[in-house]
């Protein structure tokens, strides 16, 4: 018989769920200092399965409606982003998209340029020397983000 763990709904109710379900998600949420709730597990697991960064409306459409309104999904996405578990980015079309950060990405420094594909949403770290800025711009730049089509999408 499968062992059970308890997940907590936002209203404080508890629900037994199989311990094997979402073990990585549970660990990541706990390590980030977030309570493990059924809603957070659902959003985290949906991001794990996503093949590309997802917008808030896309995430809402993917998730079951029971106990998961638009506001709850948005708050969870923002919690995941603020705790370093997810990226929130604009790929140039003024739509925020979210995807999970790998454990390696959670630990790395942000003081280097990044490249994002405007077509598939892939994000890559670039070496510091890949982008040269004028000294005045370099002093005031808090983030360097290069956008374009990745080799896979350009092919």
C-alpha atoms as a PDB file:
ATOM      1  CA  UNK A   1       0.000   0.000   0.000  1.00  0.00           C
ATOM      2  CA  UNK A   2       1.323   3.451  -0.953  1.00  0.00           C
ATOM      3  CA  UNK A   3       2.321   5.764   1.878  1.00  0.00           C
ATOM      4  CA  UNK A   4       0.452   9.059   2.238  1.00  0.00           C
ATOM      5  CA  UNK A   5       1.534  12.598   3.076  1.00  0.00           C
ATOM      6  CA  UNK A   6      -0.611  15.575   3.929  1.00  0.00           C
ATOM      7  CA  UNK A   7      -0.989  18.582   1.639  1.00  0.00           C
ATOM      8  CA  UNK A   8      -2.639  21.763   2.926  1.00  0.00           C
ATOM      9  CA  UNK A   9      -5.237  23.745   0.965  1.00  0.00           C
ATOM     10  CA  UNK A  10      -5.121  27.533   1.224  1.00  0.00           C
ATOM     11  CA  UNK A  11      -8.242  27.441   3.444  1.00  0.00           C
ATOM     12  CA  UNK A  12      -6.332  25.365   6.009  1.00  0.00           C
ATOM     13  CA  UNK A  13      -7.949  22.008   5.205  1.00  0.00           C
ATOM     14  CA  UNK A  14      -5.645  19.016   4.943  1.00  0.00           C
ATOM     15  CA  UNK A  15      -5.721  16.360   2.231  1.00  0.00           C
ATOM     16  CA  UNK A  16      -3.917  13.023   2.079  1.00  0.00           C
ATOM     17  CA  UNK A  17      -1.995  12.491  -1.158  1.00  0.00           C
ATOM     18  CA  UNK A  18       0.384   9.714  -2.225  1.00  0.00           C
ATOM     19  CA  UNK A  19       3.880  10.444  -0.883  1.00  0.00           C
ATOM     20  CA  UNK A  20       5.448   9.450  -4.191  1.00  0.00           C
ATOM     21  CA  UNK A  21       3.497  12.143  -6.038  1.00  0.00           C
ATOM     22  CA  UNK A  22       5.500  15.312  -6.441  1.00  0.00           C
ATOM     23  CA  UNK A  23       8.429  14.322  -4.230  1.00  0.00           C
ATOM     24  CA  UNK A  24      10.748  16.735  -6.081  1.00  0.00           C
ATOM     25  CA  UNK A  25       8.093  19.439  -6.004  1.00  0.00           C
ATOM     26  CA  UNK A  26       7.532  18.961  -2.275  1.00  0.00           C
ATOM     27  CA  UNK A  27      11.244  19.155  -1.563  1.00  0.00           C
ATOM     28  CA  UNK A  28      11.714  22.270  -3.714  1.00  0.00           C
ATOM     29  CA  UNK A  29       8.769  24.061  -2.087  1.00  0.00           C
ATOM     30  CA  UNK A  30       9.953  23.207   1.424  1.00  0.00           C
ATOM     31  CA  UNK A  31      13.552  24.232   0.698  1.00  0.00           C
ATOM     32  CA  UNK A  32      12.269  27.564  -0.621  1.00  0.00           C
ATOM     33  CA  UNK A  33      10.362  28.107   2.628  1.00  0.00           C
ATOM     34  CA  UNK A  34       6.910  27.626   1.091  1.00  0.00           C
ATOM     35  CA  UNK A  35       4.153  25.507   2.595  1.00  0.00           C
ATOM     36  CA  UNK A  36       3.309  22.454   0.517  1.00  0.00           C
ATOM     37  CA  UNK A  37      -0.285  22.914  -0.619  1.00  0.00           C
ATOM     38  CA  UNK A  38      -2.254  21.029  -3.235  1.00  0.00           C
ATOM     39  CA  UNK A  39      -2.507  24.192  -5.356  1.00  0.00           C
ATOM     40  CA  UNK A  40       1.260  24.852  -5.228  1.00  0.00           C
ATOM     41  CA  UNK A  41       1.959  21.232  -6.118  1.00  0.00           C
ATOM     42  CA  UNK A  42      -0.348  21.478  -9.127  1.00  0.00           C
ATOM     43  CA  UNK A  43       1.249  24.683 -10.421  1.00  0.00           C
ATOM     44  CA  UNK A  44       4.799  23.447  -9.789  1.00  0.00           C
ATOM     45  CA  UNK A  45       4.098  20.110 -11.504  1.00  0.00           C
ATOM     46  CA  UNK A  46       2.452  21.877 -14.472  1.00  0.00           C
ATOM     47  CA  UNK A  47       5.599  24.004 -14.864  1.00  0.00           C
ATOM     48  CA  UNK A  48       7.729  20.836 -14.645  1.00  0.00           C
ATOM     49  CA  UNK A  49       5.778  19.288 -17.529  1.00  0.00           C
ATOM     50  CA  UNK A  50       5.680  22.439 -19.671  1.00  0.00           C
ATOM     51  CA  UNK A  51       7.863  22.321 -22.758  1.00  0.00           C
ATOM     52  CA  UNK A  52       8.177  26.115 -22.890  1.00  0.00           C
ATOM     53  CA  UNK A  53       7.575  29.116 -20.625  1.00  0.00           C
ATOM     54  CA  UNK A  54       3.848  29.512 -19.959  1.00  0.00           C
ATOM     55  CA  UNK A  55       1.806  32.689 -19.560  1.00  0.00           C
ATOM     56  CA  UNK A  56      -0.580  33.085 -16.639  1.00  0.00           C
ATOM     57  CA  UNK A  57      -3.679  32.498 -18.847  1.00  0.00           C
ATOM     58  CA  UNK A  58      -2.061  29.371 -20.338  1.00  0.00           C
ATOM     59  CA  UNK A  59      -1.390  28.024 -16.843  1.00  0.00           C
ATOM     60  CA  UNK A  60      -4.979  28.722 -15.749  1.00  0.00           C
ATOM     61  CA  UNK A  61      -6.276  26.849 -18.804  1.00  0.00           C
ATOM     62  CA  UNK A  62      -4.034  23.841 -18.036  1.00  0.00           C
ATOM     63  CA  UNK A  63      -5.032  23.440 -14.399  1.00  0.00           C
ATOM     64  CA  UNK A  64      -8.272  21.956 -13.063  1.00  0.00           C
ATOM     65  CA  UNK A  65     -10.698  24.630 -11.902  1.00  0.00           C
ATOM     66  CA  UNK A  66     -11.472  23.070  -8.507  1.00  0.00           C
ATOM     67  CA  UNK A  67      -9.925  25.375  -5.927  1.00  0.00           C
ATOM     68  CA  UNK A  68      -7.727  27.078  -8.543  1.00  0.00           C
ATOM     69  CA  UNK A  69      -9.015  30.486  -9.582  1.00  0.00           C
ATOM     70  CA  UNK A  70      -6.956  32.901 -11.707  1.00  0.00           C
ATOM     71  CA  UNK A  71      -5.815  34.890  -8.679  1.00  0.00           C
ATOM     72  CA  UNK A  72      -4.577  31.811  -6.830  1.00  0.00           C
ATOM     73  CA  UNK A  73      -2.581  30.663  -9.861  1.00  0.00           C
ATOM     74  CA  UNK A  74      -1.032  34.137 -10.262  1.00  0.00           C
ATOM     75  CA  UNK A  75      -0.094  34.364  -6.580  1.00  0.00           C
ATOM     76  CA  UNK A  76       1.523  30.938  -6.700  1.00  0.00           C
ATOM     77  CA  UNK A  77       3.489  31.855  -9.830  1.00  0.00           C
ATOM     78  CA  UNK A  78       4.694  35.026  -8.112  1.00  0.00           C
ATOM     79  CA  UNK A  79       5.596  33.080  -4.923  1.00  0.00           C
ATOM     80  CA  UNK A  80       7.621  30.607  -6.986  1.00  0.00           C
ATOM     81  CA  UNK A  81       9.370  33.479  -8.764  1.00  0.00           C
ATOM     82  CA  UNK A  82      10.110  35.445  -5.574  1.00  0.00           C
ATOM     83  CA  UNK A  83      11.548  32.334  -3.905  1.00  0.00           C
ATOM     84  CA  UNK A  84      13.823  31.611  -6.887  1.00  0.00           C
ATOM     85  CA  UNK A  85      12.025  28.480  -8.075  1.00  0.00           C
ATOM     86  CA  UNK A  86      10.726  30.013 -11.312  1.00  0.00           C
ATOM     87  CA  UNK A  87      11.690  32.612 -13.913  1.00  0.00           C
ATOM     88  CA  UNK A  88       9.284  35.368 -14.895  1.00  0.00           C
ATOM     89  CA  UNK A  89      10.177  36.968 -18.183  1.00  0.00           C
ATOM     90  CA  UNK A  90       8.880  39.036 -21.038  1.00  0.00           C
ATOM     91  CA  UNK A  91       9.997  37.665 -24.393  1.00  0.00           C
ATOM     92  CA  UNK A  92       9.433  41.015 -26.085  1.00  0.00           C
ATOM     93  CA  UNK A  93       5.655  40.866 -26.495  1.00  0.00           C
ATOM     94  CA  UNK A  94       4.752  42.361 -23.074  1.00  0.00           C
ATOM     95  CA  UNK A  95       3.391  39.028 -21.800  1.00  0.00           C
ATOM     96  CA  UNK A  96       4.940  37.576 -18.640  1.00  0.00           C
ATOM     97  CA  UNK A  97       5.823  33.899 -19.012  1.00  0.00           C
ATOM     98  CA  UNK A  98       6.906  31.533 -16.254  1.00  0.00           C
ATOM     99  CA  UNK A  99       9.094  28.450 -16.197  1.00  0.00           C
ATOM    100  CA  UNK A 100      10.936  26.532 -13.527  1.00  0.00           C
ATOM    101  CA  UNK A 101      14.542  27.238 -12.710  1.00  0.00           C
ATOM    102  CA  UNK A 102      16.706  24.165 -12.410  1.00  0.00           C
ATOM    103  CA  UNK A 103      18.574  23.650  -9.122  1.00  0.00           C
ATOM    104  CA  UNK A 104      21.764  24.850 -10.869  1.00  0.00           C
ATOM    105  CA  UNK A 105      20.019  28.022 -12.069  1.00  0.00           C
ATOM    106  CA  UNK A 106      18.776  28.721  -8.531  1.00  0.00           C
ATOM    107  CA  UNK A 107      22.375  28.842  -7.318  1.00  0.00           C
ATOM    108  CA  UNK A 108      23.986  30.842 -10.119  1.00  0.00           C
ATOM    109  CA  UNK A 109      24.773  34.518 -10.135  1.00  0.00           C
ATOM    110  CA  UNK A 110      22.609  36.834 -12.237  1.00  0.00           C
ATOM    111  CA  UNK A 111      25.453  39.274 -12.992  1.00  0.00           C
ATOM    112  CA  UNK A 112      26.033  38.000 -16.498  1.00  0.00           C
ATOM    113  CA  UNK A 113      24.110  38.321 -19.779  1.00  0.00           C
ATOM    114  CA  UNK A 114      21.304  35.968 -20.727  1.00  0.00           C
ATOM    115  CA  UNK A 115      19.875  35.043 -24.123  1.00  0.00           C
ATOM    116  CA  UNK A 116      16.188  34.226 -24.587  1.00  0.00           C
ATOM    117  CA  UNK A 117      14.598  32.870 -27.725  1.00  0.00           C
ATOM    118  CA  UNK A 118      11.622  34.961 -28.802  1.00  0.00           C
ATOM    119  CA  UNK A 119      10.059  31.925 -30.452  1.00  0.00           C
ATOM    120  CA  UNK A 120      10.391  28.988 -28.021  1.00  0.00           C
ATOM    121  CA  UNK A 121      11.289  30.873 -24.838  1.00  0.00           C
ATOM    122  CA  UNK A 122      14.548  29.009 -24.159  1.00  0.00           C
ATOM    123  CA  UNK A 123      16.864  30.851 -21.776  1.00  0.00           C
ATOM    124  CA  UNK A 124      20.634  30.469 -21.823  1.00  0.00           C
ATOM    125  CA  UNK A 125      23.415  31.985 -19.764  1.00  0.00           C
ATOM    126  CA  UNK A 126      26.015  33.807 -21.837  1.00  0.00           C
ATOM    127  CA  UNK A 127      29.647  34.290 -20.857  1.00  0.00           C
ATOM    128  CA  UNK A 128      30.369  37.748 -19.441  1.00  0.00           C
ATOM    129  CA  UNK A 129      32.666  38.533 -22.379  1.00  0.00           C
ATOM    130  CA  UNK A 130      29.876  37.788 -24.921  1.00  0.00           C
ATOM    131  CA  UNK A 131      28.470  41.311 -24.533  1.00  0.00           C
ATOM    132  CA  UNK A 132      30.533  44.494 -24.437  1.00  0.00           C
ATOM    133  CA  UNK A 133      28.900  47.634 -23.070  1.00  0.00           C
ATOM    134  CA  UNK A 134      30.051  51.230 -22.989  1.00  0.00           C
ATOM    135  CA  UNK A 135      31.320  52.037 -19.453  1.00  0.00           C
ATOM    136  CA  UNK A 136      28.435  54.435 -18.696  1.00  0.00           C
ATOM    137  CA  UNK A 137      25.864  51.807 -19.698  1.00  0.00           C
ATOM    138  CA  UNK A 138      27.682  49.017 -17.829  1.00  0.00           C
ATOM    139  CA  UNK A 139      27.589  51.028 -14.574  1.00  0.00           C
ATOM    140  CA  UNK A 140      23.822  51.526 -14.747  1.00  0.00           C
ATOM    141  CA  UNK A 141      22.796  48.134 -16.201  1.00  0.00           C
ATOM    142  CA  UNK A 142      21.169  45.827 -13.673  1.00  0.00           C
ATOM    143  CA  UNK A 143      20.401  43.126 -16.210  1.00  0.00           C
ATOM    144  CA  UNK A 144      21.655  42.329 -19.693  1.00  0.00           C
ATOM    145  CA  UNK A 145      19.191  40.336 -21.739  1.00  0.00           C
ATOM    146  CA  UNK A 146      19.749  39.501 -25.413  1.00  0.00           C
ATOM    147  CA  UNK A 147      16.711  38.373 -27.407  1.00  0.00           C
ATOM    148  CA  UNK A 148      16.488  36.615 -30.736  1.00  0.00           C
ATOM    149  CA  UNK A 149      15.874  33.215 -32.271  1.00  0.00           C
ATOM    150  CA  UNK A 150      17.901  30.291 -30.983  1.00  0.00           C
ATOM    151  CA  UNK A 151      19.723  27.939 -33.350  1.00  0.00           C
ATOM    152  CA  UNK A 152      16.977  25.325 -32.988  1.00  0.00           C
ATOM    153  CA  UNK A 153      14.201  27.755 -33.986  1.00  0.00           C
ATOM    154  CA  UNK A 154      16.249  29.426 -36.712  1.00  0.00           C
ATOM    155  CA  UNK A 155      16.870  26.087 -38.431  1.00  0.00           C
END
